[in-house]
Amino acid sequence: MVEAATSRRGRITPEREAELYEAVLDLLREVGYGPLTMDAVAARTRCSKATLYRQWGGKAELIVKAMRHNKPAGVRGVDTGSLRGDFVAALSIEDDSAMERNSALMRGLVMEIHHNPDLGRAFRELLIEPERAEFNRVLRLAVDRGEIRADNPALAYAPHMLIGAYFARTLLDDRPPTRAFLAEYADAVLFPALGVGRSPSSRPQQ
């Protein structure tokens, strides 16, 4: 399991860990996943390869954990009392500049996943599944509040809709995802599919 290294991480301080993760992501932006090596990470971070392997097991786990550490909390722990409020609160955590940088990294890793099973496994276990579990928690709260019918068939596909919009923004429009775009998408597509009424203050995306 990719989480096996977690218990061995006490030898690195949180400050040093954050510094190392930032350096790893900088290197990833510069060269991409394929050419990035543990030798290069060791040189950039002034950390021995033995320590890197002992703490993270390999490149895939190190990269994905660096991305998870750098990613805002999103919907984790959010409960504003309404689905729309939860969504807006989650969007407010990350500004458009950070969203653009993170989406570019995510697109690069998704392409690499097709050729690297270890990366795909780490990506799903450490990044996608925790985010999906939190989003499903928010949806269950909306069901409990009566905002969404428990038998609504779109519930199972809500994460797919959001992830699709996140990546399709660049593919179809040649523009990065933004908070305004995702908010409008939710009002136009996600919330209607879930049976949640459109906000009166919503405006079409320019």
N, C-alpha and C. Protein backbone atom coordinates (compact mmCIF):
# COMPACT_ATOMS: atom_id res chain seq x y z
N MET A 1 0.84 -1.20 0.00
CA MET A 1 0.00 0.00 0.00
C MET A 1 0.87 1.25 0.00
N VAL A 2 0.43 2.29 -0.75
CA VAL A 2 1.20 3.50 -0.82
C VAL A 2 1.23 4.26 0.48
N GLU A 3 0.31 3.97 1.40
CA GLU A 3 0.30 4.67 2.68
C GLU A 3 1.31 4.10 3.67
N ALA A 4 1.99 3.01 3.30
CA ALA A 4 2.86 2.33 4.25
C ALA A 4 3.97 3.22 4.76
N ALA A 5 4.39 4.21 3.95
CA ALA A 5 5.50 5.06 4.36
C ALA A 5 5.10 6.09 5.40
N THR A 6 3.82 6.30 5.60
CA THR A 6 3.36 7.36 6.49
C THR A 6 3.93 7.22 7.88
N SER A 7 3.97 6.00 8.40
CA SER A 7 4.42 5.79 9.77
C SER A 7 5.90 6.09 9.95
N ARG A 8 6.64 6.22 8.84
CA ARG A 8 8.07 6.46 8.95
C ARG A 8 8.43 7.93 8.78
N ARG A 9 7.43 8.82 8.71
CA ARG A 9 7.70 10.19 8.33
C ARG A 9 8.04 11.11 9.48
N GLY A 10 8.03 10.59 10.71
CA GLY A 10 8.32 11.42 11.85
C GLY A 10 9.75 11.94 11.87
N ARG A 11 10.64 11.39 11.07
CA ARG A 11 12.03 11.83 11.07
C ARG A 11 12.19 13.17 10.34
N ILE A 12 11.18 13.62 9.60
CA ILE A 12 11.25 14.89 8.89
C ILE A 12 10.24 15.84 9.51
N THR A 13 10.69 17.04 9.85
CA THR A 13 9.79 18.01 10.47
C THR A 13 8.74 18.48 9.47
N PRO A 14 7.59 18.95 9.94
CA PRO A 14 6.57 19.46 9.02
C PRO A 14 7.09 20.60 8.15
N GLU A 15 7.94 21.45 8.72
CA GLU A 15 8.49 22.57 7.95
C GLU A 15 9.39 22.07 6.83
N ARG A 16 10.23 21.10 7.14
CA ARG A 16 11.12 20.52 6.14
C ARG A 16 10.32 19.77 5.08
N GLU A 17 9.28 19.08 5.51
CA GLU A 17 8.43 18.35 4.58
C GLU A 17 7.77 19.30 3.60
N ALA A 18 7.22 20.42 4.08
CA ALA A 18 6.58 21.40 3.21
C ALA A 18 7.57 21.99 2.22
N GLU A 19 8.77 22.27 2.70
CA GLU A 19 9.82 22.82 1.84
C GLU A 19 10.19 21.82 0.75
N LEU A 20 10.30 20.56 1.13
CA LEU A 20 10.65 19.52 0.17
C LEU A 20 9.55 19.35 -0.87
N TYR A 21 8.30 19.34 -0.43
CA TYR A 21 7.19 19.19 -1.37
C TYR A 21 7.16 20.34 -2.38
N GLU A 22 7.40 21.55 -1.92
CA GLU A 22 7.38 22.69 -2.83
C GLU A 22 8.49 22.57 -3.87
N ALA A 23 9.66 22.12 -3.44
CA ALA A 23 10.77 21.93 -4.37
C ALA A 23 10.45 20.83 -5.39
N VAL A 24 9.80 19.77 -4.94
CA VAL A 24 9.42 18.67 -5.84
C VAL A 24 8.44 19.17 -6.89
N LEU A 25 7.46 19.97 -6.49
CA LEU A 25 6.48 20.47 -7.45
C LEU A 25 7.12 21.46 -8.43
N ASP A 26 8.04 22.26 -7.95
CA ASP A 26 8.76 23.16 -8.86
C ASP A 26 9.50 22.34 -9.92
N LEU A 27 10.15 21.28 -9.49
CA LEU A 27 10.88 20.43 -10.42
C LEU A 27 9.92 19.74 -11.39
N LEU A 28 8.78 19.32 -10.90
CA LEU A 28 7.79 18.68 -11.76
C LEU A 28 7.31 19.64 -12.84
N ARG A 29 7.09 20.91 -12.47
CA ARG A 29 6.66 21.91 -13.46
C ARG A 29 7.74 22.16 -14.52
N GLU A 30 8.99 22.04 -14.10
CA GLU A 30 10.09 22.33 -15.01
C GLU A 30 10.33 21.22 -16.01
N VAL A 31 10.29 19.97 -15.56
CA VAL A 31 10.71 18.87 -16.45
C VAL A 31 9.60 17.87 -16.77
N GLY A 32 8.50 17.87 -16.01
CA GLY A 32 7.46 16.87 -16.22
C GLY A 32 7.73 15.60 -15.44
N TYR A 33 6.74 14.72 -15.41
CA TYR A 33 6.86 13.53 -14.57
C TYR A 33 7.89 12.54 -15.09
N GLY A 34 7.86 12.26 -16.39
CA GLY A 34 8.74 11.24 -16.95
C GLY A 34 10.21 11.49 -16.69
N PRO A 35 10.72 12.67 -17.08
CA PRO A 35 12.16 12.95 -16.88
C PRO A 35 12.56 13.19 -15.43
N LEU A 36 11.60 13.41 -14.55
CA LEU A 36 11.93 13.68 -13.16
C LEU A 36 12.47 12.41 -12.51
N THR A 37 13.61 12.52 -11.87
CA THR A 37 14.23 11.36 -11.22
C THR A 37 14.43 11.62 -9.74
N MET A 38 14.58 10.55 -8.99
CA MET A 38 14.84 10.71 -7.56
C MET A 38 16.21 11.33 -7.33
N ASP A 39 17.15 11.11 -8.27
CA ASP A 39 18.45 11.77 -8.17
C ASP A 39 18.28 13.28 -8.25
N ALA A 40 17.43 13.74 -9.18
CA ALA A 40 17.19 15.17 -9.34
C ALA A 40 16.49 15.74 -8.11
N VAL A 41 15.54 14.98 -7.56
CA VAL A 41 14.85 15.43 -6.34
C VAL A 41 15.84 15.55 -5.19
N ALA A 42 16.72 14.56 -5.05
CA ALA A 42 17.70 14.58 -3.97
C ALA A 42 18.61 15.79 -4.09
N ALA A 43 19.04 16.09 -5.33
CA ALA A 43 19.91 17.23 -5.54
C ALA A 43 19.19 18.55 -5.26
N ARG A 44 17.96 18.66 -5.75
CA ARG A 44 17.21 19.90 -5.57
C ARG A 44 16.87 20.16 -4.10
N THR A 45 16.55 19.11 -3.39
CA THR A 45 16.10 19.26 -2.00
C THR A 45 17.21 19.08 -0.98
N ARG A 46 18.43 18.75 -1.45
CA ARG A 46 19.55 18.47 -0.55
C ARG A 46 19.18 17.38 0.46
N CYS A 47 18.56 16.36 -0.06
CA CYS A 47 18.12 15.23 0.76
C CYS A 47 18.67 13.96 0.13
N SER A 48 19.12 13.03 0.92
CA SER A 48 19.69 11.80 0.36
C SER A 48 18.59 10.95 -0.28
N LYS A 49 18.98 10.21 -1.33
CA LYS A 49 18.02 9.31 -1.97
C LYS A 49 17.53 8.25 -0.99
N ALA A 50 18.40 7.82 -0.11
CA ALA A 50 17.99 6.81 0.87
C ALA A 50 16.85 7.33 1.74
N THR A 51 16.94 8.59 2.14
CA THR A 51 15.88 9.19 2.95
C THR A 51 14.59 9.30 2.15
N LEU A 52 14.71 9.71 0.89
CA LEU A 52 13.51 9.85 0.04
C LEU A 52 12.80 8.51 -0.11
N TYR A 53 13.56 7.47 -0.39
CA TYR A 53 12.95 6.15 -0.56
C TYR A 53 12.41 5.62 0.77
N ARG A 54 13.11 5.90 1.84
CA ARG A 54 12.65 5.42 3.15
C ARG A 54 11.33 6.10 3.54
N GLN A 55 11.21 7.37 3.23
CA GLN A 55 10.02 8.12 3.63
C GLN A 55 8.85 7.94 2.68
N TRP A 56 9.13 7.85 1.37
CA TRP A 56 8.03 7.84 0.40
C TRP A 56 7.97 6.61 -0.49
N GLY A 57 8.96 5.78 -0.46
CA GLY A 57 8.89 4.53 -1.21
C GLY A 57 9.27 4.65 -2.67
N GLY A 58 9.00 5.78 -3.31
CA GLY A 58 9.32 5.94 -4.71
C GLY A 58 8.78 7.24 -5.27
N LYS A 59 9.04 7.48 -6.54
CA LYS A 59 8.69 8.75 -7.18
C LYS A 59 7.18 8.99 -7.20
N ALA A 60 6.40 7.97 -7.53
CA ALA A 60 4.96 8.16 -7.67
C ALA A 60 4.34 8.66 -6.37
N GLU A 61 4.67 7.99 -5.27
CA GLU A 61 4.09 8.38 -3.99
C GLU A 61 4.56 9.77 -3.57
N LEU A 62 5.83 10.07 -3.80
CA LEU A 62 6.36 11.38 -3.43
C LEU A 62 5.65 12.49 -4.20
N ILE A 63 5.48 12.32 -5.49
CA ILE A 63 4.84 13.35 -6.31
C ILE A 63 3.40 13.57 -5.90
N VAL A 64 2.66 12.49 -5.73
CA VAL A 64 1.24 12.62 -5.40
C VAL A 64 1.05 13.21 -4.01
N LYS A 65 1.89 12.81 -3.06
CA LYS A 65 1.77 13.39 -1.72
C LYS A 65 2.17 14.87 -1.72
N ALA A 66 3.11 15.24 -2.57
CA ALA A 66 3.45 16.66 -2.70
C ALA A 66 2.26 17.44 -3.24
N MET A 67 1.55 16.88 -4.20
CA MET A 67 0.37 17.55 -4.75
C MET A 67 -0.74 17.63 -3.71
N ARG A 68 -0.94 16.55 -2.96
CA ARG A 68 -1.98 16.57 -1.93
C ARG A 68 -1.66 17.60 -0.85
N HIS A 69 -0.39 17.70 -0.48
CA HIS A 69 0.01 18.67 0.54
C HIS A 69 -0.21 20.09 0.05
N ASN A 70 0.01 20.31 -1.25
CA ASN A 70 -0.10 21.64 -1.83
C ASN A 70 -1.54 22.03 -2.14
N LYS A 71 -2.42 21.04 -2.16
CA LYS A 71 -3.81 21.29 -2.55
C LYS A 71 -4.61 21.81 -1.36
N PRO A 72 -5.45 22.85 -1.59
CA PRO A 72 -6.30 23.33 -0.50
C PRO A 72 -7.24 22.24 -0.01
N ALA A 73 -7.80 22.46 1.16
CA ALA A 73 -8.64 21.44 1.80
C ALA A 73 -9.90 21.12 1.01
N GLY A 74 -10.34 22.04 0.14
CA GLY A 74 -11.54 21.80 -0.65
C GLY A 74 -12.77 21.67 0.22
N VAL A 75 -13.54 20.59 0.03
CA VAL A 75 -14.78 20.43 0.79
C VAL A 75 -14.56 19.73 2.13
N ARG A 76 -13.31 19.46 2.48
CA ARG A 76 -13.01 18.73 3.71
C ARG A 76 -13.56 19.48 4.93
N GLY A 77 -14.50 18.87 5.62
CA GLY A 77 -15.05 19.45 6.84
C GLY A 77 -16.07 20.55 6.62
N VAL A 78 -16.35 20.90 5.37
CA VAL A 78 -17.29 21.99 5.08
C VAL A 78 -18.72 21.55 5.39
N ASP A 79 -19.48 22.42 6.05
CA ASP A 79 -20.90 22.19 6.30
C ASP A 79 -21.54 23.54 6.60
N THR A 80 -21.98 24.24 5.54
CA THR A 80 -22.55 25.58 5.70
C THR A 80 -24.06 25.55 5.91
N GLY A 81 -24.66 24.39 5.72
CA GLY A 81 -26.10 24.29 5.86
C GLY A 81 -26.84 24.18 4.54
N SER A 82 -26.12 24.30 3.43
CA SER A 82 -26.74 24.12 2.11
C SER A 82 -25.69 23.62 1.13
N LEU A 83 -26.13 22.91 0.11
CA LEU A 83 -25.20 22.38 -0.88
C LEU A 83 -24.51 23.51 -1.62
N ARG A 84 -25.27 24.52 -2.02
CA ARG A 84 -24.67 25.64 -2.74
C ARG A 84 -23.66 26.37 -1.85
N GLY A 85 -23.99 26.57 -0.59
CA GLY A 85 -23.07 27.21 0.33
C GLY A 85 -21.79 26.41 0.50
N ASP A 86 -21.92 25.08 0.58
CA ASP A 86 -20.74 24.23 0.71
C ASP A 86 -19.86 24.35 -0.53
N PHE A 87 -20.49 24.40 -1.70
CA PHE A 87 -19.75 24.48 -2.96
C PHE A 87 -19.01 25.82 -3.06
N VAL A 88 -19.69 26.89 -2.72
CA VAL A 88 -19.07 28.22 -2.77
C VAL A 88 -17.92 28.31 -1.77
N ALA A 89 -18.12 27.74 -0.58
CA ALA A 89 -17.06 27.75 0.44
C ALA A 89 -15.83 26.99 -0.05
N ALA A 90 -16.05 25.86 -0.71
CA ALA A 90 -14.93 25.07 -1.23
C ALA A 90 -14.19 25.84 -2.32
N LEU A 91 -14.93 26.52 -3.19
CA LEU A 91 -14.30 27.27 -4.27
C LEU A 91 -13.47 28.44 -3.75
N SER A 92 -13.90 29.02 -2.64
CA SER A 92 -13.23 30.21 -2.13
C SER A 92 -11.86 29.92 -1.54
N ILE A 93 -11.55 28.67 -1.31
CA ILE A 93 -10.29 28.30 -0.67
C ILE A 93 -9.10 28.48 -1.62
N GLU A 94 -9.33 28.30 -2.92
CA GLU A 94 -8.24 28.34 -3.90
C GLU A 94 -8.49 29.46 -4.90
N ASP A 95 -7.51 30.37 -5.09
CA ASP A 95 -7.71 31.45 -6.06
C ASP A 95 -7.46 30.94 -7.47
N ASP A 96 -7.79 31.77 -8.47
CA ASP A 96 -7.70 31.33 -9.86
C ASP A 96 -6.28 31.02 -10.29
N SER A 97 -5.31 31.77 -9.77
CA SER A 97 -3.92 31.54 -10.14
C SER A 97 -3.45 30.16 -9.66
N ALA A 98 -3.77 29.83 -8.42
CA ALA A 98 -3.40 28.52 -7.88
C ALA A 98 -4.14 27.41 -8.60
N MET A 99 -5.42 27.66 -8.94
CA MET A 99 -6.20 26.66 -9.65
C MET A 99 -5.59 26.36 -11.02
N GLU A 100 -5.11 27.40 -11.70
CA GLU A 100 -4.49 27.21 -13.01
C GLU A 100 -3.23 26.37 -12.90
N ARG A 101 -2.39 26.68 -11.90
CA ARG A 101 -1.14 25.93 -11.72
C ARG A 101 -1.44 24.47 -11.37
N ASN A 102 -2.38 24.26 -10.47
CA ASN A 102 -2.69 22.89 -10.04
C ASN A 102 -3.35 22.08 -11.14
N SER A 103 -4.21 22.73 -11.93
CA SER A 103 -4.87 22.00 -13.02
C SER A 103 -3.87 21.57 -14.08
N ALA A 104 -2.85 22.40 -14.33
CA ALA A 104 -1.81 22.03 -15.30
C ALA A 104 -1.03 20.81 -14.81
N LEU A 105 -0.70 20.78 -13.52
CA LEU A 105 -0.01 19.62 -12.96
C LEU A 105 -0.89 18.38 -13.03
N MET A 106 -2.16 18.54 -12.72
CA MET A 106 -3.08 17.40 -12.74
C MET A 106 -3.19 16.83 -14.16
N ARG A 107 -3.30 17.70 -15.16
CA ARG A 107 -3.42 17.21 -16.54
C ARG A 107 -2.18 16.42 -16.94
N GLY A 108 -1.01 16.92 -16.55
CA GLY A 108 0.21 16.20 -16.88
C GLY A 108 0.27 14.84 -16.23
N LEU A 109 -0.15 14.74 -14.98
CA LEU A 109 -0.11 13.46 -14.29
C LEU A 109 -1.14 12.48 -14.84
N VAL A 110 -2.31 13.00 -15.21
CA VAL A 110 -3.35 12.12 -15.77
C VAL A 110 -2.84 11.47 -17.06
N MET A 111 -2.11 12.22 -17.87
CA MET A 111 -1.55 11.65 -19.09
C MET A 111 -0.53 10.57 -18.77
N GLU A 112 0.27 10.79 -17.74
CA GLU A 112 1.30 9.82 -17.37
C GLU A 112 0.72 8.54 -16.78
N ILE A 113 -0.46 8.64 -16.18
CA ILE A 113 -1.08 7.49 -15.53
C ILE A 113 -1.28 6.34 -16.51
N HIS A 114 -1.55 6.65 -17.76
CA HIS A 114 -1.79 5.60 -18.76
C HIS A 114 -0.57 4.72 -18.99
N HIS A 115 0.61 5.24 -18.65
CA HIS A 115 1.84 4.49 -18.88
C HIS A 115 2.52 4.06 -17.60
N ASN A 116 1.95 4.43 -16.44
CA ASN A 116 2.62 4.17 -15.18
C ASN A 116 1.62 3.68 -14.13
N PRO A 117 1.47 2.38 -13.96
CA PRO A 117 0.51 1.84 -13.00
C PRO A 117 0.76 2.29 -11.56
N ASP A 118 2.02 2.43 -11.17
CA ASP A 118 2.31 2.87 -9.80
C ASP A 118 1.80 4.29 -9.56
N LEU A 119 1.98 5.15 -10.54
CA LEU A 119 1.46 6.51 -10.43
C LEU A 119 -0.05 6.51 -10.37
N GLY A 120 -0.68 5.71 -11.22
CA GLY A 120 -2.14 5.63 -11.22
C GLY A 120 -2.68 5.17 -9.88
N ARG A 121 -2.05 4.17 -9.29
CA ARG A 121 -2.49 3.66 -7.99
C ARG A 121 -2.32 4.72 -6.90
N ALA A 122 -1.17 5.38 -6.88
CA ALA A 122 -0.93 6.43 -5.88
C ALA A 122 -1.89 7.60 -6.08
N PHE A 123 -2.12 7.97 -7.32
CA PHE A 123 -3.00 9.10 -7.64
C PHE A 123 -4.42 8.83 -7.14
N ARG A 124 -4.91 7.62 -7.40
CA ARG A 124 -6.27 7.29 -6.97
C ARG A 124 -6.37 7.17 -5.45
N GLU A 125 -5.42 6.46 -4.83
CA GLU A 125 -5.51 6.19 -3.39
C GLU A 125 -5.25 7.44 -2.53
N LEU A 126 -4.32 8.28 -2.97
CA LEU A 126 -3.89 9.39 -2.13
C LEU A 126 -4.55 10.72 -2.46
N LEU A 127 -5.07 10.86 -3.68
CA LEU A 127 -5.62 12.14 -4.09
C LEU A 127 -7.09 12.04 -4.47
N ILE A 128 -7.40 11.17 -5.41
CA ILE A 128 -8.77 11.11 -5.93
C ILE A 128 -9.76 10.55 -4.91
N GLU A 129 -9.45 9.39 -4.32
CA GLU A 129 -10.41 8.76 -3.42
C GLU A 129 -10.71 9.59 -2.16
N PRO A 130 -9.70 10.20 -1.51
CA PRO A 130 -10.04 11.06 -0.37
C PRO A 130 -10.92 12.24 -0.76
N GLU A 131 -10.65 12.86 -1.92
CA GLU A 131 -11.47 13.97 -2.38
C GLU A 131 -12.89 13.50 -2.71
N ARG A 132 -12.98 12.36 -3.34
CA ARG A 132 -14.29 11.82 -3.70
C ARG A 132 -15.10 11.48 -2.46
N ALA A 133 -14.44 10.92 -1.45
CA ALA A 133 -15.14 10.58 -0.21
C ALA A 133 -15.68 11.84 0.47
N GLU A 134 -14.90 12.93 0.47
CA GLU A 134 -15.37 14.17 1.08
C GLU A 134 -16.52 14.79 0.29
N PHE A 135 -16.43 14.74 -1.02
CA PHE A 135 -17.51 15.28 -1.84
C PHE A 135 -18.79 14.47 -1.63
N ASN A 136 -18.66 13.16 -1.54
CA ASN A 136 -19.83 12.33 -1.28
C ASN A 136 -20.41 12.61 0.11
N ARG A 137 -19.55 12.97 1.07
CA ARG A 137 -20.05 13.36 2.39
C ARG A 137 -20.92 14.61 2.29
N VAL A 138 -20.47 15.59 1.51
CA VAL A 138 -21.24 16.81 1.31
C VAL A 138 -22.58 16.50 0.64
N LEU A 139 -22.57 15.59 -0.32
CA LEU A 139 -23.82 15.21 -0.99
C LEU A 139 -24.76 14.50 -0.02
N ARG A 140 -24.21 13.67 0.85
CA ARG A 140 -25.07 12.98 1.83
C ARG A 140 -25.71 13.99 2.79
N LEU A 141 -24.96 15.03 3.16
CA LEU A 141 -25.55 16.08 4.00
C LEU A 141 -26.72 16.74 3.29
N ALA A 142 -26.55 16.99 1.99
CA ALA A 142 -27.63 17.60 1.22
C ALA A 142 -28.85 16.68 1.14
N VAL A 143 -28.59 15.38 1.04
CA VAL A 143 -29.70 14.42 1.04
C VAL A 143 -30.40 14.43 2.40
N ASP A 144 -29.63 14.44 3.47
CA ASP A 144 -30.20 14.45 4.82
C ASP A 144 -31.01 15.72 5.08
N ARG A 145 -30.59 16.84 4.48
CA ARG A 145 -31.33 18.09 4.65
C ARG A 145 -32.57 18.16 3.76
N GLY A 146 -32.69 17.22 2.84
CA GLY A 146 -33.83 17.22 1.94
C GLY A 146 -33.62 18.03 0.68
N GLU A 147 -32.40 18.48 0.43
CA GLU A 147 -32.12 19.25 -0.79
C GLU A 147 -32.09 18.36 -2.03
N ILE A 148 -31.66 17.11 -1.84
CA ILE A 148 -31.54 16.16 -2.94
C ILE A 148 -32.30 14.90 -2.58
N ARG A 149 -33.05 14.37 -3.53
CA ARG A 149 -33.73 13.10 -3.30
C ARG A 149 -32.69 11.97 -3.23
N ALA A 150 -32.87 11.08 -2.29
CA ALA A 150 -31.91 9.99 -2.11
C ALA A 150 -31.85 9.07 -3.32
N ASP A 151 -32.94 9.02 -4.10
CA ASP A 151 -32.97 8.13 -5.26
C ASP A 151 -32.61 8.86 -6.56
N ASN A 152 -32.10 10.08 -6.46
CA ASN A 152 -31.71 10.82 -7.66
C ASN A 152 -30.56 10.10 -8.35
N PRO A 153 -30.72 9.67 -9.61
CA PRO A 153 -29.65 8.91 -10.27
C PRO A 153 -28.40 9.72 -10.55
N ALA A 154 -28.52 11.05 -10.54
CA ALA A 154 -27.35 11.89 -10.81
C ALA A 154 -26.36 11.90 -9.65
N LEU A 155 -26.80 11.48 -8.46
CA LEU A 155 -25.90 11.50 -7.29
C LEU A 155 -24.61 10.72 -7.54
N ALA A 156 -24.74 9.57 -8.18
CA ALA A 156 -23.57 8.72 -8.40
C ALA A 156 -22.59 9.34 -9.39
N TYR A 157 -23.07 10.30 -10.18
CA TYR A 157 -22.24 10.87 -11.23
C TYR A 157 -21.82 12.31 -10.96
N ALA A 158 -22.16 12.85 -9.80
CA ALA A 158 -21.80 14.23 -9.48
C ALA A 158 -20.28 14.44 -9.51
N PRO A 159 -19.48 13.55 -8.92
CA PRO A 159 -18.02 13.75 -9.01
C PRO A 159 -17.52 13.73 -10.45
N HIS A 160 -18.12 12.86 -11.27
CA HIS A 160 -17.70 12.77 -12.67
C HIS A 160 -18.00 14.08 -13.40
N MET A 161 -19.14 14.69 -13.08
CA MET A 161 -19.50 15.94 -13.74
C MET A 161 -18.51 17.04 -13.41
N LEU A 162 -18.15 17.15 -12.14
CA LEU A 162 -17.23 18.21 -11.74
C LEU A 162 -15.82 17.99 -12.30
N ILE A 163 -15.34 16.75 -12.22
CA ILE A 163 -14.01 16.46 -12.75
C ILE A 163 -13.99 16.70 -14.26
N GLY A 164 -15.08 16.31 -14.93
CA GLY A 164 -15.18 16.54 -16.37
C GLY A 164 -15.10 18.02 -16.71
N ALA A 165 -15.82 18.84 -15.98
CA ALA A 165 -15.80 20.29 -16.23
C ALA A 165 -14.42 20.87 -15.97
N TYR A 166 -13.78 20.39 -14.92
CA TYR A 166 -12.46 20.89 -14.53
C TYR A 166 -11.44 20.70 -15.66
N PHE A 167 -11.45 19.52 -16.27
CA PHE A 167 -10.49 19.24 -17.33
C PHE A 167 -10.97 19.71 -18.70
N ALA A 168 -12.28 19.66 -18.94
CA ALA A 168 -12.80 20.05 -20.25
C ALA A 168 -12.66 21.54 -20.52
N ARG A 169 -12.58 22.35 -19.46
CA ARG A 169 -12.43 23.80 -19.64
C ARG A 169 -11.23 24.12 -20.52
N THR A 170 -10.10 23.48 -20.25
CA THR A 170 -8.89 23.73 -21.04
C THR A 170 -8.98 23.07 -22.40
N LEU A 171 -9.51 21.85 -22.46
CA LEU A 171 -9.59 21.10 -23.70
C LEU A 171 -10.50 21.78 -24.72
N LEU A 172 -11.66 22.25 -24.27
CA LEU A 172 -12.65 22.81 -25.19
C LEU A 172 -12.50 24.31 -25.41
N ASP A 173 -12.12 25.03 -24.36
CA ASP A 173 -12.08 26.49 -24.44
C ASP A 173 -10.67 27.07 -24.46
N ASP A 174 -9.66 26.23 -24.30
CA ASP A 174 -8.28 26.67 -24.22
C ASP A 174 -8.09 27.73 -23.14
N ARG A 175 -8.79 27.53 -22.03
CA ARG A 175 -8.69 28.42 -20.88
C ARG A 175 -8.66 27.58 -19.62
N PRO A 176 -7.97 28.02 -18.58
CA PRO A 176 -7.92 27.23 -17.35
C PRO A 176 -9.24 27.31 -16.60
N PRO A 177 -9.53 26.32 -15.76
CA PRO A 177 -10.73 26.42 -14.91
C PRO A 177 -10.57 27.57 -13.94
N THR A 178 -11.67 28.25 -13.65
CA THR A 178 -11.67 29.35 -12.68
C THR A 178 -12.82 29.15 -11.71
N ARG A 179 -12.81 29.89 -10.62
CA ARG A 179 -13.90 29.79 -9.66
C ARG A 179 -15.21 30.22 -10.29
N ALA A 180 -15.18 31.29 -11.10
CA ALA A 180 -16.41 31.76 -11.74
C ALA A 180 -16.97 30.71 -12.69
N PHE A 181 -16.08 30.09 -13.47
CA PHE A 181 -16.54 29.07 -14.41
C PHE A 181 -17.16 27.88 -13.68
N LEU A 182 -16.50 27.39 -12.64
CA LEU A 182 -17.02 26.23 -11.92
C LEU A 182 -18.32 26.55 -11.18
N ALA A 183 -18.44 27.78 -10.67
CA ALA A 183 -19.68 28.17 -10.01
C ALA A 183 -20.83 28.22 -11.01
N GLU A 184 -20.58 28.78 -12.19
CA GLU A 184 -21.62 28.83 -13.22
C GLU A 184 -21.96 27.44 -13.73
N TYR A 185 -20.95 26.60 -13.88
CA TYR A 185 -21.19 25.23 -14.30
C TYR A 185 -22.08 24.50 -13.29
N ALA A 186 -21.79 24.69 -12.02
CA ALA A 186 -22.60 24.04 -10.98
C ALA A 186 -24.04 24.51 -11.05
N ASP A 187 -24.25 25.81 -11.24
CA ASP A 187 -25.61 26.33 -11.32
C ASP A 187 -26.33 25.87 -12.58
N ALA A 188 -25.59 25.73 -13.69
CA ALA A 188 -26.22 25.40 -14.96
C ALA A 188 -26.39 23.90 -15.18
N VAL A 189 -25.48 23.10 -14.58
CA VAL A 189 -25.47 21.66 -14.89
C VAL A 189 -25.60 20.80 -13.64
N LEU A 190 -24.72 20.98 -12.68
CA LEU A 190 -24.67 20.08 -11.53
C LEU A 190 -25.92 20.18 -10.66
N PHE A 191 -26.26 21.39 -10.21
CA PHE A 191 -27.39 21.54 -9.31
C PHE A 191 -28.72 21.14 -9.96
N PRO A 192 -28.99 21.54 -11.23
CA PRO A 192 -30.23 21.07 -11.86
C PRO A 192 -30.30 19.55 -11.95
N ALA A 193 -29.17 18.92 -12.26
CA ALA A 193 -29.16 17.45 -12.35
C ALA A 193 -29.50 16.82 -11.01
N LEU A 194 -29.10 17.49 -9.92
CA LEU A 194 -29.37 16.98 -8.58
C LEU A 194 -30.72 17.44 -8.04
N GLY A 195 -31.42 18.25 -8.81
CA GLY A 195 -32.73 18.73 -8.37
C GLY A 195 -32.68 19.91 -7.44
N VAL A 196 -31.53 20.63 -7.42
CA VAL A 196 -31.37 21.80 -6.58
C VAL A 196 -31.64 23.04 -7.42
N GLY A 197 -32.50 23.95 -6.94
CA GLY A 197 -32.88 25.12 -7.71
C GLY A 197 -31.72 26.05 -7.98
N ARG A 198 -31.78 26.77 -9.09
CA ARG A 198 -30.75 27.73 -9.48
C ARG A 198 -30.81 28.96 -8.60
N SER A 199 -29.64 29.49 -8.24
CA SER A 199 -29.57 30.69 -7.43
C SER A 199 -30.07 31.89 -8.20
N PRO A 200 -30.95 32.71 -7.63
CA PRO A 200 -31.45 33.89 -8.32
C PRO A 200 -30.33 34.86 -8.72
N SER A 201 -29.22 34.85 -8.00
CA SER A 201 -28.15 35.81 -8.26
C SER A 201 -27.15 35.31 -9.29
N SER A 202 -27.38 34.10 -9.82
CA SER A 202 -26.43 33.54 -10.78
C SER A 202 -26.44 34.33 -12.07
N ARG A 203 -25.29 34.47 -12.69
CA ARG A 203 -25.15 35.16 -13.96
C ARG A 203 -24.38 34.28 -14.93
N PRO A 204 -24.72 34.32 -16.22
CA PRO A 204 -23.99 33.51 -17.19
C PRO A 204 -22.52 33.87 -17.21
N GLN A 205 -21.66 32.87 -17.45
CA GLN A 205 -20.23 33.09 -17.55
C GLN A 205 -19.91 33.88 -18.80
N GLN A 206 -19.11 34.96 -18.63
CA GLN A 206 -18.73 35.80 -19.77
C GLN A 206 -17.51 35.21 -20.47
